[in-house]
C-alpha atoms as a PDB file:
ATOM      1  CA  MET A   1       8.360  -9.194  -4.790  1.00  0.00           C
ATOM      2  CA  ILE A   2       6.176  -6.404  -3.460  1.00  0.00           C
ATOM      3  CA  ILE A   3       2.662  -7.592  -2.643  1.00  0.00           C
ATOM      4  CA  ASN A   4      -0.245  -5.216  -2.934  1.00  0.00           C
ATOM      5  CA  LEU A   5      -2.050  -5.016   0.496  1.00  0.00           C
ATOM      6  CA  THR A   6      -4.216  -2.050  -0.482  1.00  0.00           C
ATOM      7  CA  GLN A   7      -7.839  -1.918  -1.867  1.00  0.00           C
ATOM      8  CA  HIS A   8      -6.564  -0.364  -5.051  1.00  0.00           C
ATOM      9  CA  ALA A   9      -5.296  -2.004  -8.160  1.00  0.00           C
ATOM     10  CA  PRO A  10      -1.630  -1.256  -8.799  1.00  0.00           C
ATOM     11  CA  THR A  11      -0.854   1.288 -11.502  1.00  0.00           C
ATOM     12  CA  PRO A  12       1.266   0.292 -14.508  1.00  0.00           C
ATOM     13  CA  GLU A  13       4.288   2.047 -12.918  1.00  0.00           C
ATOM     14  CA  GLN A  14       3.783   0.066  -9.727  1.00  0.00           C
ATOM     15  CA  LEU A  15       3.520  -3.205 -11.675  1.00  0.00           C
ATOM     16  CA  GLU A  16       6.745  -2.302 -13.411  1.00  0.00           C
ATOM     17  CA  ALA A  17       8.343  -1.676  -9.950  1.00  0.00           C
ATOM     18  CA  GLY A  18       7.494  -5.238  -8.968  1.00  0.00           C
ATOM     19  CA  VAL A  19       4.100  -4.877  -7.241  1.00  0.00           C
ATOM     20  CA  VAL A  20       1.910  -8.028  -7.625  1.00  0.00           C
ATOM     21  CA  GLN A  21      -1.683  -8.721  -6.698  1.00  0.00           C
ATOM     22  CA  PRO A  22      -2.107 -11.362  -3.968  1.00  0.00           C
ATOM     23  CA  SER A  23      -3.880 -14.589  -4.959  1.00  0.00           C
ATOM     24  CA  SER A  24      -5.885 -14.476  -1.703  1.00  0.00           C
ATOM     25  CA  GLU A  25      -9.350 -12.790  -1.800  1.00  0.00           C
ATOM     26  CA  ASP A  26      -9.016 -12.143   1.900  1.00  0.00           C
ATOM     27  CA  VAL A  27      -7.105  -8.867   1.518  1.00  0.00           C
ATOM     28  CA  ARG A  28     -10.172  -6.826   0.829  1.00  0.00           C
ATOM     29  CA  HIS A  29     -11.985  -8.456   3.784  1.00  0.00           C
ATOM     30  CA  PHE A  30      -9.148  -7.627   6.170  1.00  0.00           C
ATOM     31  CA  LEU A  31      -9.073  -3.991   4.938  1.00  0.00           C
ATOM     32  CA  THR A  32     -12.819  -3.331   5.049  1.00  0.00           C
ATOM     33  CA  PHE A  33     -14.336  -2.101   8.308  1.00  0.00           C
ATOM     34  CA  ASP A  34     -18.066  -1.600   8.740  1.00  0.00           C
ATOM     35  CA  SER A  35     -17.836  -0.324  12.313  1.00  0.00           C
ATOM     36  CA  ILE A  36     -15.276   1.009  14.744  1.00  0.00           C
ATOM     37  CA  PRO A  37     -12.833  -1.816  15.368  1.00  0.00           C
ATOM     38  CA  SER A  38     -11.522  -3.016  18.690  1.00  0.00           C
ATOM     39  CA  GLN A  39      -7.732  -3.144  19.213  1.00  0.00           C
ATOM     40  CA  GLU A  40      -8.031  -6.905  19.069  1.00  0.00           C
ATOM     41  CA  ASP A  41      -9.755  -6.713  15.670  1.00  0.00           C
ATOM     42  CA  ILE A  42      -7.044  -4.395  14.369  1.00  0.00           C
ATOM     43  CA  GLU A  43      -4.316  -6.740  15.527  1.00  0.00           C
ATOM     44  CA  ARG A  44      -6.109  -9.790  14.050  1.00  0.00           C
ATOM     45  CA  ARG A  45      -6.550  -8.157  10.687  1.00  0.00           C
ATOM     46  CA  ALA A  46      -2.986  -6.902  10.577  1.00  0.00           C
ATOM     47  CA  ALA A  47      -1.725 -10.428  11.444  1.00  0.00           C
ATOM     48  CA  GLY A  48      -3.961 -11.855   8.728  1.00  0.00           C
ATOM     49  CA  LEU A  49      -2.627  -9.427   6.066  1.00  0.00           C
ATOM     50  CA  ALA A  50       0.944 -10.181   7.115  1.00  0.00           C
ATOM     51  CA  ALA A  51       0.333 -13.957   6.907  1.00  0.00           C
ATOM     52  CA  ILE A  52      -0.928 -13.489   3.314  1.00  0.00           C
ATOM     53  CA  ALA A  53       2.226 -11.559   2.434  1.00  0.00           C
ATOM     54  CA  GLN A  54       4.473 -14.195   3.975  1.00  0.00           C
ATOM     55  CA  ALA A  55       2.538 -17.113   2.373  1.00  0.00           C
ATOM     56  CA  GLU A  56       2.913 -15.481  -1.107  1.00  0.00           C
ATOM     57  CA  GLY A  57       6.690 -15.156  -0.546  1.00  0.00           C
ATOM     58  CA  ALA A  58       6.693 -11.359  -0.564  1.00  0.00           C
ATOM     59  CA  THR A  59       9.777  -9.450   0.544  1.00  0.00           C
ATOM     60  CA  ALA A  60       7.881  -6.207   0.792  1.00  0.00           C
ATOM     61  CA  ALA A  61       4.285  -5.043   0.878  1.00  0.00           C
ATOM     62  CA  MET A  62       2.656  -1.921  -0.513  1.00  0.00           C
ATOM     63  CA  ILE A  63       0.315  -0.770   2.213  1.00  0.00           C
ATOM     64  CA  GLY A  64      -2.101   2.092   2.702  1.00  0.00           C
ATOM     65  CA  GLY A  65      -5.518   2.755   4.069  1.00  0.00           C
ATOM     66  CA  ALA A  66      -6.914   3.411   7.487  1.00  0.00           C
ATOM     67  CA  PRO A  67      -4.228   5.245   9.468  1.00  0.00           C
ATOM     68  CA  TRP A  68      -5.146   3.412  12.708  1.00  0.00           C
ATOM     69  CA  LEU A  69      -4.392   0.072  11.012  1.00  0.00           C
ATOM     70  CA  MET A  70      -1.077   0.933   9.308  1.00  0.00           C
ATOM     71  CA  GLY A  71       1.085   1.045  12.458  1.00  0.00           C
ATOM     72  CA  GLU A  72      -0.066  -2.357  13.551  1.00  0.00           C
ATOM     73  CA  LEU A  73       0.258  -3.704  10.013  1.00  0.00           C
ATOM     74  CA  GLU A  74       3.840  -2.398   9.717  1.00  0.00           C
ATOM     75  CA  GLN A  75       4.785  -4.277  12.925  1.00  0.00           C
ATOM     76  CA  ALA A  76       2.979  -7.489  11.860  1.00  0.00           C
ATOM     77  CA  LEU A  77       4.793  -7.418   8.480  1.00  0.00           C
ATOM     78  CA  LEU A  78       8.221  -6.819  10.072  1.00  0.00           C
ATOM     79  CA  LYS A  79       7.630  -9.789  12.444  1.00  0.00           C
ATOM     80  CA  ARG A  80       7.347 -11.907   9.267  1.00  0.00           C
ATOM     81  CA  SER A  81      10.369 -10.284   7.564  1.00  0.00           C
ATOM     82  CA  VAL A  82       8.249  -8.342   5.057  1.00  0.00           C
ATOM     83  CA  GLU A  83       9.115  -4.663   4.500  1.00  0.00           C
ATOM     84  CA  PRO A  84       6.167  -2.274   4.701  1.00  0.00           C
ATOM     85  CA  LEU A  85       6.229   0.285   1.893  1.00  0.00           C
ATOM     86  CA  TYR A  86       3.905   3.222   1.143  1.00  0.00           C
ATOM     87  CA  ALA A  87       3.429   4.393  -2.460  1.00  0.00           C
ATOM     88  CA  PHE A  88       4.461   7.932  -3.244  1.00  0.00           C
ATOM     89  CA  THR A  89       2.682   9.664  -6.075  1.00  0.00           C
ATOM     90  CA  GLN A  90       3.207  12.969  -7.777  1.00  0.00           C
ATOM     91  CA  ARG A  91       0.210  15.052  -8.716  1.00  0.00           C
ATOM     92  CA  GLU A  92       0.084  16.855 -12.050  1.00  0.00           C
ATOM     93  CA  SER A  93      -2.695  19.375 -12.476  1.00  0.00           C
ATOM     94  CA  VAL A  94      -3.996  19.616 -16.035  1.00  0.00           C
ATOM     95  CA  GLU A  95      -6.284  22.382 -17.226  1.00  0.00           C
ATOM     96  CA  LYS A  96      -8.339  22.128 -20.406  1.00  0.00           C
ATOM     97  CA  LYS A  97     -10.361  24.961 -21.898  1.00  0.00           C
ATOM     98  CA  LEU A  98     -13.817  23.793 -22.917  1.00  0.00           C
ATOM     99  CA  PRO A  99     -15.763  25.007 -25.961  1.00  0.00           C
ATOM    100  CA  ASP A 100     -18.041  27.089 -23.734  1.00  0.00           C
ATOM    101  CA  GLY A 101     -15.105  28.983 -22.304  1.00  0.00           C
ATOM    102  CA  SER A 102     -15.047  27.243 -18.954  1.00  0.00           C
ATOM    103  CA  VAL A 103     -11.907  25.488 -17.721  1.00  0.00           C
ATOM    104  CA  GLN A 104     -11.901  21.834 -16.604  1.00  0.00           C
ATOM    105  CA  LYS A 105      -9.102  20.961 -14.149  1.00  0.00           C
ATOM    106  CA  THR A 106      -8.067  17.362 -13.504  1.00  0.00           C
ATOM    107  CA  ASN A 107      -5.391  15.856 -11.353  1.00  0.00           C
ATOM    108  CA  VAL A 108      -3.241  12.988 -12.655  1.00  0.00           C
ATOM    109  CA  PHE A 109      -1.415  10.946 -10.041  1.00  0.00           C
ATOM    110  CA  THR A 110       1.742   9.184 -11.153  1.00  0.00           C
ATOM    111  CA  HIS A 111       3.606   6.638  -9.093  1.00  0.00           C
ATOM    112  CA  ALA A 112       7.075   8.015  -8.208  1.00  0.00           C
ATOM    113  CA  GLY A 113       8.428   5.463  -5.801  1.00  0.00           C
ATOM    114  CA  PHE A 114       8.020   4.049  -2.264  1.00  0.00           C
ATOM    115  CA  VAL A 115       8.518   5.351   1.266  1.00  0.00           C
ATOM    116  CA  ARG A 116       9.589   2.954   3.973  1.00  0.00           C
ATOM    117  CA  GLY A 117       7.292   2.439   6.973  1.00  0.00           C
ATOM    118  CA  TYR A 118       7.873   4.216  10.251  1.00  0.00           C
ATOM    119  CA  TYR A 119       9.173   1.159  12.083  1.00  0.00           C
ATOM    120  CA  THR A 120      11.715   0.219   9.342  1.00  0.00           C
ATOM    121  CA  GLU A 121      14.495   2.721  10.042  1.00  0.00           C
ATOM    122  CA  GLY A 122      17.723   0.768   9.716  1.00  0.00           C
ATOM    123  CA  CYS A 123      15.911  -2.214   8.396  1.00  0.00           C
ATOM    124  CA  ASP A 124      17.611  -4.033   5.441  1.00  0.00           C
ATOM    125  CA  LEU A 125      14.445  -5.775   4.118  1.00  0.00           C
ATOM    126  CA  ALA A 126      13.530  -3.257   1.442  1.00  0.00           C
ATOM    127  CA  PRO A 127      14.328  -3.988  -2.206  1.00  0.00           C
ATOM    128  CA  PRO A 128      17.362  -2.094  -3.506  1.00  0.00           C
ATOM    129  CA  GLY A 129      16.615   1.522  -4.497  1.00  0.00           C
ATOM    130  CA  TYR A 130      13.773   2.134  -2.095  1.00  0.00           C
ATOM    131  CA  GLU A 131      14.221   4.916   0.424  1.00  0.00           C
END
């Protein structure tokens, strides 16, 4: 099971890949910062997120957000035998000609897989098929 430790709802493709929403409402609290955090606050929040993942029985966690939190979160997850994964999306640019002759351009992001966290090289915790 891959637990979603991001502030975004998983896409249908991510749900199909095994991503689940945590039952704890604390994830959003741990990921929301209203001021510059101290190192202790970063460590506490990373540990809290990792504890949620472990309590829910996750073998992996989809993470993403503030770059200064992710390294600490990767380490906290690995200490609890939970593999940190980042979602990889492909962007498709779609152009649509409007009745007035102008062109509207939109980007559609499609989940294409996962990328293992920095600290996980050589780690065997990731579900099969994840690079």
